[in-house]
Amino acid sequence: MRFGYSELCLAHDPGSRHPETPDRLRAIRERLKRKHGVEYVDSDSCDIDRLATIHDRDYLESVREFCAEGGGNWDPDTTAVEETWDAARKSAGLACWAAEEALDGATGRETPFSIGRPPGHHAVEDDAMGFCFVNNVAVAAQYALDHDDYDVERVAIVDWDVHHGNGTQDIFYDRDDVFFVSVHEQGLYPGTGAVDETGEGDGAGTTMNLPMPAGTDDVEYLAAFEGPIHDALTDYDPDLLLVSAGFDAHRHDPISRIRLTTEAYALLTDRLRTLADETDAAFAFVLEGGYGLDVLADSVAIVHETFDGREPIEPGADVSEKAEEVIEAVVEEHDLDADFD
């Protein structure tokens, strides 16, 4: 894979006790040293005009001023330093690079993966939260829709971070040109993402939430991806498929109670790659969360290995009753067909 990366993203340092540390990127880079075919690419930062296609301009100016004055605690979870504004603009720029590379035809071993930080999927139009200041994947989606060189009419975003991507959902909730899917732990921060949150107005039906119960494992996530996610996005037929790739649903991540193995990320990658092929959609990844450094690095590496020719190991188990109830509720909410065979 080709990884979008910049040293500037290390400068956003909210402190040694904060889980969203620059060591996340260092750990990924260290693990990828052992892998074949890894390439790193820098990109331009987003200017404020591009960020303002998604975010309120007054909000962006307030973040810039906050950082220029030395930063501090924006809220109890979300901390900035002087360099955070430039890191956030770079992280969004790397996400746009990933979308552009995919739309230019990068596939297979050239598939783009933006590993910028700070992450973005909790940032709403006019506020920062959950470690996020700029919604990187939303900026990238809008960039693809607006770009004169690409005939992009529909973008799908699949968010497999363990936390609900509330910011991305809010930004596109009343629009039909972006289909947002979030698979997340039920009841975890920020507490949004219920099955019946499906969009409104022009966007009715273009938001899909799968709030999975604590303890959900590989086979149950796979059922969600092979079932309602595949069916809904095949019908939607996106021109671009972006993954909000958080890795904190791993069983050894310190934040969540979902029980995915590292192998799960190979399986989910494989299923979304197949979906992209079936719909002829450009395909790219944008890093979100993941706070156990070893398992974060392992999980990013296995996504890379999947594109480098490694075949995922299929699980062999049944879907639990609790997870099946969630998937069936989503199927009913979106008027799809259910199949657990």
C-alpha atoms as a PDB file:
ATOM      1  CA  MET A   1       0.000   0.000   0.000  1.00  0.00           C
ATOM      2  CA  ARG A   2       0.908   3.660  -0.285  1.00  0.00           C
ATOM      3  CA  PHE A   3       0.607   5.450   3.046  1.00  0.00           C
ATOM      4  CA  GLY A   4      -0.034   9.162   3.325  1.00  0.00           C
ATOM      5  CA  TYR A   5       2.215  10.388   6.119  1.00  0.00           C
ATOM      6  CA  SER A   6       3.867  13.552   7.377  1.00  0.00           C
ATOM      7  CA  GLU A   7       6.163  14.249  10.323  1.00  0.00           C
ATOM      8  CA  LEU A   8       4.016  17.322  10.927  1.00  0.00           C
ATOM      9  CA  CYS A   9       1.306  15.052  12.330  1.00  0.00           C
ATOM     10  CA  LEU A  10       3.667  14.109  15.175  1.00  0.00           C
ATOM     11  CA  ALA A  11       3.771  17.728  16.357  1.00  0.00           C
ATOM     12  CA  HIS A  12       0.223  17.517  17.705  1.00  0.00           C
ATOM     13  CA  ASP A  13       1.109  16.226  21.169  1.00  0.00           C
ATOM     14  CA  PRO A  14      -1.681  16.411  23.759  1.00  0.00           C
ATOM     15  CA  GLY A  15       0.585  15.018  26.478  1.00  0.00           C
ATOM     16  CA  SER A  16       2.006  11.744  27.721  1.00  0.00           C
ATOM     17  CA  ARG A  17      -1.165  10.792  29.628  1.00  0.00           C
ATOM     18  CA  HIS A  18      -3.425  11.296  26.599  1.00  0.00           C
ATOM     19  CA  PRO A  19      -4.281   8.152  24.592  1.00  0.00           C
ATOM     20  CA  GLU A  20      -4.151   9.929  21.222  1.00  0.00           C
ATOM     21  CA  THR A  21      -0.368  10.190  21.222  1.00  0.00           C
ATOM     22  CA  PRO A  22       2.166  10.706  18.420  1.00  0.00           C
ATOM     23  CA  ASP A  23       3.473   7.255  19.366  1.00  0.00           C
ATOM     24  CA  ARG A  24       0.503   5.829  17.484  1.00  0.00           C
ATOM     25  CA  LEU A  25       2.081   6.804  14.173  1.00  0.00           C
ATOM     26  CA  ARG A  26       5.559   5.847  15.330  1.00  0.00           C
ATOM     27  CA  ALA A  27       4.309   2.366  16.238  1.00  0.00           C
ATOM     28  CA  ILE A  28       2.652   1.929  12.837  1.00  0.00           C
ATOM     29  CA  ARG A  29       5.802   3.022  11.014  1.00  0.00           C
ATOM     30  CA  GLU A  30       7.991   0.731  13.100  1.00  0.00           C
ATOM     31  CA  ARG A  31       5.792  -2.284  12.349  1.00  0.00           C
ATOM     32  CA  LEU A  32       5.592  -1.493   8.647  1.00  0.00           C
ATOM     33  CA  LYS A  33       9.392  -1.557   8.431  1.00  0.00           C
ATOM     34  CA  ARG A  34       9.083  -5.348   8.444  1.00  0.00           C
ATOM     35  CA  LYS A  35       6.628  -5.421   5.526  1.00  0.00           C
ATOM     36  CA  HIS A  36       7.232  -5.586   1.807  1.00  0.00           C
ATOM     37  CA  GLY A  37       5.977  -2.925  -0.587  1.00  0.00           C
ATOM     38  CA  VAL A  38       5.344  -0.063   1.828  1.00  0.00           C
ATOM     39  CA  GLU A  39       5.642   3.435   0.402  1.00  0.00           C
ATOM     40  CA  TYR A  40       5.124   6.791   2.137  1.00  0.00           C
ATOM     41  CA  VAL A  41       3.805   9.904   0.431  1.00  0.00           C
ATOM     42  CA  ASP A  42       3.372  13.425   1.810  1.00  0.00           C
ATOM     43  CA  SER A  43       0.665  15.798   0.608  1.00  0.00           C
ATOM     44  CA  ASP A  44      -0.303  19.441   0.692  1.00  0.00           C
ATOM     45  CA  SER A  45      -2.159  20.650   3.763  1.00  0.00           C
ATOM     46  CA  CYS A  46      -5.748  21.759   3.399  1.00  0.00           C
ATOM     47  CA  ASP A  47      -6.247  25.489   3.450  1.00  0.00           C
ATOM     48  CA  ILE A  48      -9.101  26.989   5.409  1.00  0.00           C
ATOM     49  CA  ASP A  49     -11.255  27.360   2.289  1.00  0.00           C
ATOM     50  CA  ARG A  50     -11.227  23.609   1.694  1.00  0.00           C
ATOM     51  CA  LEU A  51     -11.941  22.878   5.357  1.00  0.00           C
ATOM     52  CA  ALA A  52     -14.820  25.359   5.183  1.00  0.00           C
ATOM     53  CA  THR A  53     -16.603  23.154   2.641  1.00  0.00           C
ATOM     54  CA  ILE A  54     -17.392  20.983   5.683  1.00  0.00           C
ATOM     55  CA  HIS A  55     -16.811  23.105   8.787  1.00  0.00           C
ATOM     56  CA  ASP A  56     -18.181  26.459   9.894  1.00  0.00           C
ATOM     57  CA  ARG A  57     -15.571  29.111   9.090  1.00  0.00           C
ATOM     58  CA  ASP A  58     -15.948  30.892  12.424  1.00  0.00           C
ATOM     59  CA  TYR A  59     -15.295  27.589  14.190  1.00  0.00           C
ATOM     60  CA  LEU A  60     -12.160  27.015  12.112  1.00  0.00           C
ATOM     61  CA  GLU A  61     -10.907  30.501  12.900  1.00  0.00           C
ATOM     62  CA  SER A  62     -11.491  29.887  16.590  1.00  0.00           C
ATOM     63  CA  VAL A  63      -9.419  26.675  16.443  1.00  0.00           C
ATOM     64  CA  ARG A  64      -6.637  28.486  14.620  1.00  0.00           C
ATOM     65  CA  GLU A  65      -6.615  31.274  17.200  1.00  0.00           C
ATOM     66  CA  PHE A  66      -6.815  28.815  20.097  1.00  0.00           C
ATOM     67  CA  CYS A  67      -3.728  27.015  18.828  1.00  0.00           C
ATOM     68  CA  ALA A  68      -1.863  30.237  18.034  1.00  0.00           C
ATOM     69  CA  GLU A  69      -2.339  31.248  21.664  1.00  0.00           C
ATOM     70  CA  GLY A  70      -0.750  27.986  22.841  1.00  0.00           C
ATOM     71  CA  GLY A  71      -3.766  25.658  22.906  1.00  0.00           C
ATOM     72  CA  GLY A  72      -5.025  23.892  26.008  1.00  0.00           C
ATOM     73  CA  ASN A  73      -8.123  21.851  26.788  1.00  0.00           C
ATOM     74  CA  TRP A  74     -10.827  22.512  24.228  1.00  0.00           C
ATOM     75  CA  ASP A  75     -12.974  20.098  26.231  1.00  0.00           C
ATOM     76  CA  PRO A  76     -12.053  17.482  28.873  1.00  0.00           C
ATOM     77  CA  ASP A  77     -11.005  14.968  26.175  1.00  0.00           C
ATOM     78  CA  THR A  78      -9.773  17.165  23.345  1.00  0.00           C
ATOM     79  CA  THR A  79      -6.474  18.940  23.837  1.00  0.00           C
ATOM     80  CA  ALA A  80      -4.565  21.235  21.476  1.00  0.00           C
ATOM     81  CA  VAL A  81      -1.044  22.607  21.389  1.00  0.00           C
ATOM     82  CA  GLU A  82       0.344  25.375  19.204  1.00  0.00           C
ATOM     83  CA  GLU A  83       1.126  22.909  16.404  1.00  0.00           C
ATOM     84  CA  THR A  84      -2.315  21.266  16.388  1.00  0.00           C
ATOM     85  CA  TRP A  85      -3.826  23.577  13.762  1.00  0.00           C
ATOM     86  CA  ASP A  86      -1.088  22.777  11.247  1.00  0.00           C
ATOM     87  CA  ALA A  87      -1.261  19.054  12.075  1.00  0.00           C
ATOM     88  CA  ALA A  88      -5.045  19.038  11.595  1.00  0.00           C
ATOM     89  CA  ARG A  89      -4.743  20.784   8.233  1.00  0.00           C
ATOM     90  CA  LYS A  90      -2.102  18.266   7.199  1.00  0.00           C
ATOM     91  CA  SER A  91      -4.183  15.301   8.392  1.00  0.00           C
ATOM     92  CA  ALA A  92      -7.117  16.508   6.290  1.00  0.00           C
ATOM     93  CA  GLY A  93      -4.778  17.038   3.351  1.00  0.00           C
ATOM     94  CA  LEU A  94      -3.534  13.464   3.624  1.00  0.00           C
ATOM     95  CA  ALA A  95      -7.129  12.216   3.588  1.00  0.00           C
ATOM     96  CA  CYS A  96      -7.775  14.232   0.424  1.00  0.00           C
ATOM     97  CA  TRP A  97      -4.603  12.766  -1.079  1.00  0.00           C
ATOM     98  CA  ALA A  98      -5.928   9.254  -0.386  1.00  0.00           C
ATOM     99  CA  ALA A  99      -9.242  10.025  -2.093  1.00  0.00           C
ATOM    100  CA  GLU A 100      -7.494  11.585  -5.070  1.00  0.00           C
ATOM    101  CA  GLU A 101      -5.068   8.670  -5.454  1.00  0.00           C
ATOM    102  CA  ALA A 102      -7.960   6.220  -5.429  1.00  0.00           C
ATOM    103  CA  LEU A 103      -9.894   8.229  -7.992  1.00  0.00           C
ATOM    104  CA  ASP A 104      -6.789   8.390 -10.179  1.00  0.00           C
ATOM    105  CA  GLY A 105      -6.909   4.591 -10.330  1.00  0.00           C
ATOM    106  CA  ALA A 106      -4.625   3.416  -7.514  1.00  0.00           C
ATOM    107  CA  THR A 107      -5.679  -0.133  -6.615  1.00  0.00           C
ATOM    108  CA  GLY A 108      -4.152  -3.390  -5.401  1.00  0.00           C
ATOM    109  CA  ARG A 109      -0.718  -2.850  -3.891  1.00  0.00           C
ATOM    110  CA  GLU A 110      -1.031   0.874  -4.650  1.00  0.00           C
ATOM    111  CA  THR A 111      -4.223   1.312  -2.571  1.00  0.00           C
ATOM    112  CA  PRO A 112      -3.901   4.538  -0.521  1.00  0.00           C
ATOM    113  CA  PHE A 113      -4.110   4.701   3.271  1.00  0.00           C
ATOM    114  CA  SER A 114      -3.846   8.079   5.017  1.00  0.00           C
ATOM    115  CA  ILE A 115      -2.247   7.776   8.466  1.00  0.00           C
ATOM    116  CA  GLY A 116      -2.605  11.375   9.571  1.00  0.00           C
ATOM    117  CA  ARG A 117      -3.554  12.588  13.020  1.00  0.00           C
ATOM    118  CA  PRO A 118      -5.352  14.078  14.880  1.00  0.00           C
ATOM    119  CA  PRO A 119      -8.241  11.811  13.879  1.00  0.00           C
ATOM    120  CA  GLY A 120     -11.483  13.316  12.668  1.00  0.00           C
ATOM    121  CA  HIS A 121     -14.725  11.369  12.788  1.00  0.00           C
ATOM    122  CA  HIS A 122     -16.099  12.992  15.970  1.00  0.00           C
ATOM    123  CA  ALA A 123     -15.616  16.569  14.721  1.00  0.00           C
ATOM    124  CA  VAL A 124     -18.976  18.113  13.819  1.00  0.00           C
ATOM    125  CA  GLU A 125     -19.536  21.118  11.590  1.00  0.00           C
ATOM    126  CA  ASP A 126     -18.897  23.698  14.281  1.00  0.00           C
ATOM    127  CA  ASP A 127     -17.141  21.972  17.164  1.00  0.00           C
ATOM    128  CA  ALA A 128     -14.253  19.712  18.155  1.00  0.00           C
ATOM    129  CA  MET A 129     -14.758  16.660  20.346  1.00  0.00           C
ATOM    130  CA  GLY A 130     -13.428  13.174  20.995  1.00  0.00           C
ATOM    131  CA  PHE A 131      -9.779  14.061  20.162  1.00  0.00           C
ATOM    132  CA  CYS A 132     -10.928  15.434  16.747  1.00  0.00           C
ATOM    133  CA  PHE A 133     -10.718  18.988  15.369  1.00  0.00           C
ATOM    134  CA  VAL A 134     -11.253  18.535  11.613  1.00  0.00           C
ATOM    135  CA  ASN A 135     -13.336  15.752  10.119  1.00  0.00           C
ATOM    136  CA  ASN A 136     -10.719  14.376   7.750  1.00  0.00           C
ATOM    137  CA  VAL A 137     -12.861  11.782   5.975  1.00  0.00           C
ATOM    138  CA  ALA A 138     -15.706  14.256   5.488  1.00  0.00           C
ATOM    139  CA  VAL A 139     -13.344  16.820   3.982  1.00  0.00           C
ATOM    140  CA  ALA A 140     -11.978  14.120   1.664  1.00  0.00           C
ATOM    141  CA  ALA A 141     -15.473  13.043   0.611  1.00  0.00           C
ATOM    142  CA  GLN A 142     -16.474  16.622  -0.153  1.00  0.00           C
ATOM    143  CA  TYR A 143     -13.209  17.190  -2.020  1.00  0.00           C
ATOM    144  CA  ALA A 144     -13.996  14.208  -4.256  1.00  0.00           C
ATOM    145  CA  LEU A 145     -17.543  15.428  -4.912  1.00  0.00           C
ATOM    146  CA  ASP A 146     -16.341  18.949  -5.753  1.00  0.00           C
ATOM    147  CA  HIS A 147     -13.265  18.033  -7.831  1.00  0.00           C
ATOM    148  CA  ASP A 148     -13.635  19.076 -11.464  1.00  0.00           C
ATOM    149  CA  ASP A 149     -11.442  16.233 -12.749  1.00  0.00           C
ATOM    150  CA  TYR A 150     -13.615  13.448 -11.311  1.00  0.00           C
ATOM    151  CA  ASP A 151     -17.179  12.508 -12.080  1.00  0.00           C
ATOM    152  CA  VAL A 152     -18.077  11.629  -8.488  1.00  0.00           C
ATOM    153  CA  GLU A 153     -21.776  11.726  -7.657  1.00  0.00           C
ATOM    154  CA  ARG A 154     -21.902   9.389  -4.645  1.00  0.00           C
ATOM    155  CA  VAL A 155     -19.444   8.597  -1.855  1.00  0.00           C
ATOM    156  CA  ALA A 156     -19.788   5.832   0.713  1.00  0.00           C
ATOM    157  CA  ILE A 157     -18.008   6.038   4.066  1.00  0.00           C
ATOM    158  CA  VAL A 158     -17.700   2.911   6.200  1.00  0.00           C
ATOM    159  CA  ASP A 159     -16.572   3.665   9.757  1.00  0.00           C
ATOM    160  CA  TRP A 160     -15.349   0.578  11.646  1.00  0.00           C
ATOM    161  CA  ASP A 161     -13.893   2.517  14.575  1.00  0.00           C
ATOM    162  CA  VAL A 162     -15.323   1.205  17.855  1.00  0.00           C
ATOM    163  CA  HIS A 163     -16.836   4.638  18.551  1.00  0.00           C
ATOM    164  CA  HIS A 164     -19.731   5.983  16.551  1.00  0.00           C
ATOM    165  CA  GLY A 165     -18.667   8.494  13.908  1.00  0.00           C
ATOM    166  CA  ASN A 166     -21.141  11.087  15.106  1.00  0.00           C
ATOM    167  CA  GLY A 167     -19.421  13.993  13.378  1.00  0.00           C
ATOM    168  CA  THR A 168     -19.450  12.353   9.971  1.00  0.00           C
ATOM    169  CA  GLN A 169     -23.068  11.319  10.458  1.00  0.00           C
ATOM    170  CA  ASP A 170     -24.150  14.821  11.473  1.00  0.00           C
ATOM    171  CA  ILE A 171     -22.390  16.470   8.532  1.00  0.00           C
ATOM    172  CA  PHE A 172     -24.046  14.281   5.899  1.00  0.00           C
ATOM    173  CA  TYR A 173     -27.302  13.352   7.675  1.00  0.00           C
ATOM    174  CA  ASP A 174     -29.615  15.254   5.324  1.00  0.00           C
ATOM    175  CA  ARG A 175     -27.701  14.576   2.100  1.00  0.00           C
ATOM    176  CA  ASP A 176     -28.058  11.775  -0.441  1.00  0.00           C
ATOM    177  CA  ASP A 177     -24.628  12.114  -2.077  1.00  0.00           C
ATOM    178  CA  VAL A 178     -22.854  10.451   0.890  1.00  0.00           C
ATOM    179  CA  PHE A 179     -23.923   7.129   2.422  1.00  0.00           C
ATOM    180  CA  PHE A 180     -22.497   6.789   5.922  1.00  0.00           C
ATOM    181  CA  VAL A 181     -22.178   3.421   7.691  1.00  0.00           C
ATOM    182  CA  SER A 182     -20.935   3.076  11.270  1.00  0.00           C
ATOM    183  CA  VAL A 183     -20.264  -0.211  13.070  1.00  0.00           C
ATOM    184  CA  HIS A 184     -19.526   0.591  16.710  1.00  0.00           C
ATOM    185  CA  GLU A 185     -19.924  -0.569  20.293  1.00  0.00           C
ATOM    186  CA  GLN A 186     -23.389  -0.007  21.690  1.00  0.00           C
ATOM    187  CA  GLY A 187     -23.458   2.571  24.475  1.00  0.00           C
ATOM    188  CA  LEU A 188     -19.853   3.689  24.096  1.00  0.00           C
ATOM    189  CA  TYR A 189     -18.791   7.337  23.640  1.00  0.00           C
ATOM    190  CA  PRO A 190     -20.351   9.511  22.289  1.00  0.00           C
ATOM    191  CA  GLY A 191     -23.599   7.614  22.898  1.00  0.00           C
ATOM    192  CA  THR A 192     -25.095   8.206  19.438  1.00  0.00           C
ATOM    193  CA  GLY A 193     -25.561   5.836  16.516  1.00  0.00           C
ATOM    194  CA  ALA A 194     -28.827   4.011  17.170  1.00  0.00           C
ATOM    195  CA  VAL A 195     -30.281   1.731  14.508  1.00  0.00           C
ATOM    196  CA  ASP A 196     -33.131   4.163  13.816  1.00  0.00           C
ATOM    197  CA  GLU A 197     -30.754   7.028  12.995  1.00  0.00           C
ATOM    198  CA  THR A 198     -31.019   6.608   9.218  1.00  0.00           C
ATOM    199  CA  GLY A 199     -30.910  10.141   7.816  1.00  0.00           C
ATOM    200  CA  GLU A 200     -33.514  12.780   7.119  1.00  0.00           C
ATOM    201  CA  GLY A 201     -34.762  14.877   4.231  1.00  0.00           C
ATOM    202  CA  ASP A 202     -32.803  14.145   1.060  1.00  0.00           C
ATOM    203  CA  GLY A 203     -30.573  11.876   3.163  1.00  0.00           C
ATOM    204  CA  ALA A 204     -33.349   9.606   4.414  1.00  0.00           C
ATOM    205  CA  GLY A 205     -32.001   6.052   4.312  1.00  0.00           C
ATOM    206  CA  THR A 206     -28.377   7.018   3.605  1.00  0.00           C
ATOM    207  CA  THR A 207     -27.154   6.558   7.169  1.00  0.00           C
ATOM    208  CA  MET A 208     -26.748   3.037   8.573  1.00  0.00           C
ATOM    209  CA  ASN A 209     -25.788   2.345  12.176  1.00  0.00           C
ATOM    210  CA  LEU A 210     -24.902  -1.037  13.625  1.00  0.00           C
ATOM    211  CA  PRO A 211     -24.446  -0.593  17.405  1.00  0.00           C
ATOM    212  CA  MET A 212     -22.920  -3.960  18.338  1.00  0.00           C
ATOM    213  CA  PRO A 213     -23.149  -5.336  21.883  1.00  0.00           C
ATOM    214  CA  ALA A 214     -20.067  -5.670  24.067  1.00  0.00           C
ATOM    215  CA  GLY A 215     -18.354  -8.972  23.405  1.00  0.00           C
ATOM    216  CA  THR A 216     -19.099  -9.007  19.673  1.00  0.00           C
ATOM    217  CA  ASP A 217     -16.355 -10.827  17.763  1.00  0.00           C
ATOM    218  CA  ASP A 218     -15.015 -11.425  14.251  1.00  0.00           C
ATOM    219  CA  VAL A 219     -17.801 -13.647  12.912  1.00  0.00           C
ATOM    220  CA  GLU A 220     -20.490 -11.196  13.991  1.00  0.00           C
ATOM    221  CA  TYR A 221     -18.777  -8.197  12.392  1.00  0.00           C
ATOM    222  CA  LEU A 222     -18.315 -10.288   9.273  1.00  0.00           C
ATOM    223  CA  ALA A 223     -22.053 -11.037   9.210  1.00  0.00           C
ATOM    224  CA  ALA A 224     -22.766  -7.311   9.319  1.00  0.00           C
ATOM    225  CA  PHE A 225     -20.351  -6.582   6.488  1.00  0.00           C
ATOM    226  CA  GLU A 226     -21.519  -9.467   4.313  1.00  0.00           C
ATOM    227  CA  GLY A 227     -25.178  -8.728   5.029  1.00  0.00           C
ATOM    228  CA  PRO A 228     -26.736  -5.274   5.393  1.00  0.00           C
ATOM    229  CA  ILE A 229     -23.601  -3.252   4.683  1.00  0.00           C
ATOM    230  CA  HIS A 230     -22.868  -5.109   1.456  1.00  0.00           C
ATOM    231  CA  ASP A 231     -26.499  -5.048   0.329  1.00  0.00           C
ATOM    232  CA  ALA A 232     -27.110  -1.377   1.077  1.00  0.00           C
ATOM    233  CA  LEU A 233     -23.902  -0.143  -0.507  1.00  0.00           C
ATOM    234  CA  THR A 234     -24.280  -2.362  -3.551  1.00  0.00           C
ATOM    235  CA  ASP A 235     -27.683  -0.745  -4.101  1.00  0.00           C
ATOM    236  CA  TYR A 236     -26.208   2.709  -3.476  1.00  0.00           C
ATOM    237  CA  ASP A 237     -23.438   2.095  -6.061  1.00  0.00           C
ATOM    238  CA  PRO A 238     -20.832   4.622  -4.836  1.00  0.00           C
ATOM    239  CA  ASP A 239     -18.131   6.133  -7.026  1.00  0.00           C
ATOM    240  CA  LEU A 240     -15.754   6.292  -4.051  1.00  0.00           C
ATOM    241  CA  LEU A 241     -15.585   4.105  -0.939  1.00  0.00           C
ATOM    242  CA  LEU A 242     -13.708   5.557   2.032  1.00  0.00           C
ATOM    243  CA  VAL A 243     -12.967   3.618   5.222  1.00  0.00           C
ATOM    244  CA  SER A 244     -12.817   5.510   8.506  1.00  0.00           C
ATOM    245  CA  ALA A 245     -10.302   2.992   9.787  1.00  0.00           C
ATOM    246  CA  GLY A 246     -10.128   2.993  13.557  1.00  0.00           C
ATOM    247  CA  PHE A 247      -8.631  -0.097  15.180  1.00  0.00           C
ATOM    248  CA  ASP A 248      -9.934   0.282  18.731  1.00  0.00           C
ATOM    249  CA  ALA A 249     -12.497  -2.523  18.327  1.00  0.00           C
ATOM    250  CA  HIS A 250      -9.562  -4.903  18.789  1.00  0.00           C
ATOM    251  CA  ARG A 251      -9.912  -7.203  21.790  1.00  0.00           C
ATOM    252  CA  HIS A 252      -6.642  -5.899  23.250  1.00  0.00           C
ATOM    253  CA  ASP A 253      -7.400  -2.204  22.814  1.00  0.00           C
ATOM    254  CA  PRO A 254      -7.705  -0.539  26.253  1.00  0.00           C
ATOM    255  CA  ILE A 255     -10.797   1.522  25.430  1.00  0.00           C
ATOM    256  CA  SER A 256     -13.460  -0.899  24.170  1.00  0.00           C
ATOM    257  CA  ARG A 257     -15.209  -4.192  24.908  1.00  0.00           C
ATOM    258  CA  ILE A 258     -15.608  -5.414  21.324  1.00  0.00           C
ATOM    259  CA  ARG A 259     -13.583  -8.596  20.779  1.00  0.00           C
ATOM    260  CA  LEU A 260     -12.123  -8.374  17.277  1.00  0.00           C
ATOM    261  CA  THR A 261      -8.839 -10.116  16.515  1.00  0.00           C
ATOM    262  CA  THR A 262      -6.170  -8.702  14.244  1.00  0.00           C
ATOM    263  CA  GLU A 263      -7.387 -11.153  11.603  1.00  0.00           C
ATOM    264  CA  ALA A 264     -10.780  -9.424  11.600  1.00  0.00           C
ATOM    265  CA  TYR A 265      -9.265  -6.385   9.926  1.00  0.00           C
ATOM    266  CA  ALA A 266      -7.964  -8.556   7.098  1.00  0.00           C
ATOM    267  CA  LEU A 267     -11.441 -10.033   6.689  1.00  0.00           C
ATOM    268  CA  LEU A 268     -13.223  -6.662   6.741  1.00  0.00           C
ATOM    269  CA  THR A 269     -10.686  -5.236   4.303  1.00  0.00           C
ATOM    270  CA  ASP A 270     -11.232  -8.187   1.983  1.00  0.00           C
ATOM    271  CA  ARG A 271     -15.019  -7.771   2.058  1.00  0.00           C
ATOM    272  CA  LEU A 272     -14.879  -4.039   1.386  1.00  0.00           C
ATOM    273  CA  ARG A 273     -12.337  -4.549  -1.399  1.00  0.00           C
ATOM    274  CA  THR A 274     -14.771  -6.999  -2.987  1.00  0.00           C
ATOM    275  CA  LEU A 275     -17.585  -4.475  -2.584  1.00  0.00           C
ATOM    276  CA  ALA A 276     -15.463  -1.765  -4.222  1.00  0.00           C
ATOM    277  CA  ASP A 277     -14.724  -4.126  -7.114  1.00  0.00           C
ATOM    278  CA  GLU A 278     -18.409  -5.035  -7.515  1.00  0.00           C
ATOM    279  CA  THR A 279     -19.472  -1.383  -7.636  1.00  0.00           C
ATOM    280  CA  ASP A 280     -16.407  -0.164  -9.544  1.00  0.00           C
ATOM    281  CA  ALA A 281     -15.727   2.300  -6.722  1.00  0.00           C
ATOM    282  CA  ALA A 282     -12.383   3.898  -5.982  1.00  0.00           C
ATOM    283  CA  PHE A 283     -11.184   2.703  -2.560  1.00  0.00           C
ATOM    284  CA  ALA A 284      -9.110   4.369   0.181  1.00  0.00           C
ATOM    285  CA  PHE A 285      -8.499   4.304   3.933  1.00  0.00           C
ATOM    286  CA  VAL A 286      -8.275   7.145   6.476  1.00  0.00           C
ATOM    287  CA  LEU A 287      -6.925   6.447   9.976  1.00  0.00           C
ATOM    288  CA  GLU A 288      -9.160   7.135  12.964  1.00  0.00           C
ATOM    289  CA  GLY A 289      -8.638   5.622  16.454  1.00  0.00           C
ATOM    290  CA  GLY A 290      -6.726   2.724  17.967  1.00  0.00           C
ATOM    291  CA  TYR A 291      -4.937   3.147  21.285  1.00  0.00           C
ATOM    292  CA  GLY A 292      -3.150  -0.120  22.032  1.00  0.00           C
ATOM    293  CA  LEU A 293       0.069   0.607  20.195  1.00  0.00           C
ATOM    294  CA  ASP A 294       1.031  -2.979  19.393  1.00  0.00           C
ATOM    295  CA  VAL A 295      -2.395  -4.046  18.188  1.00  0.00           C
ATOM    296  CA  LEU A 296      -2.883  -0.784  16.269  1.00  0.00           C
ATOM    297  CA  ALA A 297       0.375  -1.399  14.429  1.00  0.00           C
ATOM    298  CA  ASP A 298      -0.447  -5.069  13.844  1.00  0.00           C
ATOM    299  CA  SER A 299      -3.886  -4.208  12.505  1.00  0.00           C
ATOM    300  CA  VAL A 300      -2.670  -1.565  10.056  1.00  0.00           C
ATOM    301  CA  ALA A 301       0.009  -4.017   8.941  1.00  0.00           C
ATOM    302  CA  ILE A 302      -2.540  -6.755   8.241  1.00  0.00           C
ATOM    303  CA  VAL A 303      -4.593  -4.378   6.093  1.00  0.00           C
ATOM    304  CA  HIS A 304      -1.415  -3.771   4.102  1.00  0.00           C
ATOM    305  CA  GLU A 305      -0.684  -7.504   3.900  1.00  0.00           C
ATOM    306  CA  THR A 306      -4.188  -8.129   2.539  1.00  0.00           C
ATOM    307  CA  PHE A 307      -3.382  -5.901  -0.420  1.00  0.00           C
ATOM    308  CA  ASP A 308       0.048  -7.496  -0.706  1.00  0.00           C
ATOM    309  CA  GLY A 309      -1.465 -10.913  -1.430  1.00  0.00           C
ATOM    310  CA  ARG A 310      -2.113 -12.486   1.967  1.00  0.00           C
ATOM    311  CA  GLU A 311      -5.381 -14.467   2.086  1.00  0.00           C
ATOM    312  CA  PRO A 312      -7.504 -13.797   5.202  1.00  0.00           C
ATOM    313  CA  ILE A 313      -8.253 -16.740   7.497  1.00  0.00           C
ATOM    314  CA  GLU A 314     -11.993 -17.308   7.600  1.00  0.00           C
ATOM    315  CA  PRO A 315     -13.621 -17.710  11.027  1.00  0.00           C
ATOM    316  CA  GLY A 316     -15.809 -20.666  11.911  1.00  0.00           C
ATOM    317  CA  ALA A 317     -18.540 -19.868  14.413  1.00  0.00           C
ATOM    318  CA  ASP A 318     -22.175 -18.806  14.691  1.00  0.00           C
ATOM    319  CA  VAL A 319     -23.526 -15.308  15.129  1.00  0.00           C
ATOM    320  CA  SER A 320     -24.631 -14.670  18.712  1.00  0.00           C
ATOM    321  CA  GLU A 321     -28.276 -13.958  19.437  1.00  0.00           C
ATOM    322  CA  LYS A 322     -27.575 -10.399  20.626  1.00  0.00           C
ATOM    323  CA  ALA A 323     -25.549  -9.488  17.533  1.00  0.00           C
ATOM    324  CA  GLU A 324     -28.107 -11.153  15.265  1.00  0.00           C
ATOM    325  CA  GLU A 325     -30.833  -9.016  16.828  1.00  0.00           C
ATOM    326  CA  VAL A 326     -28.928  -5.844  15.935  1.00  0.00           C
ATOM    327  CA  ILE A 327     -28.282  -6.978  12.364  1.00  0.00           C
ATOM    328  CA  GLU A 328     -31.913  -8.015  11.892  1.00  0.00           C
ATOM    329  CA  ALA A 329     -33.067  -4.633  13.223  1.00  0.00           C
ATOM    330  CA  VAL A 330     -30.830  -2.875  10.689  1.00  0.00           C
ATOM    331  CA  VAL A 331     -32.106  -5.098   7.883  1.00  0.00           C
ATOM    332  CA  GLU A 332     -35.693  -4.251   8.820  1.00  0.00           C
ATOM    333  CA  GLU A 333     -34.974  -0.534   9.234  1.00  0.00           C
ATOM    334  CA  HIS A 334     -33.417  -0.370   5.754  1.00  0.00           C
ATOM    335  CA  ASP A 335     -35.809  -2.840   4.101  1.00  0.00           C
ATOM    336  CA  LEU A 336     -33.095  -5.349   3.164  1.00  0.00           C
ATOM    337  CA  ASP A 337     -32.963  -9.154   3.084  1.00  0.00           C
ATOM    338  CA  ALA A 338     -31.450 -11.085   6.024  1.00  0.00           C
ATOM    339  CA  ASP A 339     -29.386 -14.256   5.636  1.00  0.00           C
ATOM    340  CA  PHE A 340     -27.370 -15.814   8.470  1.00  0.00           C
ATOM    341  CA  ASP A 341     -26.638 -19.115   6.707  1.00  0.00           C
END
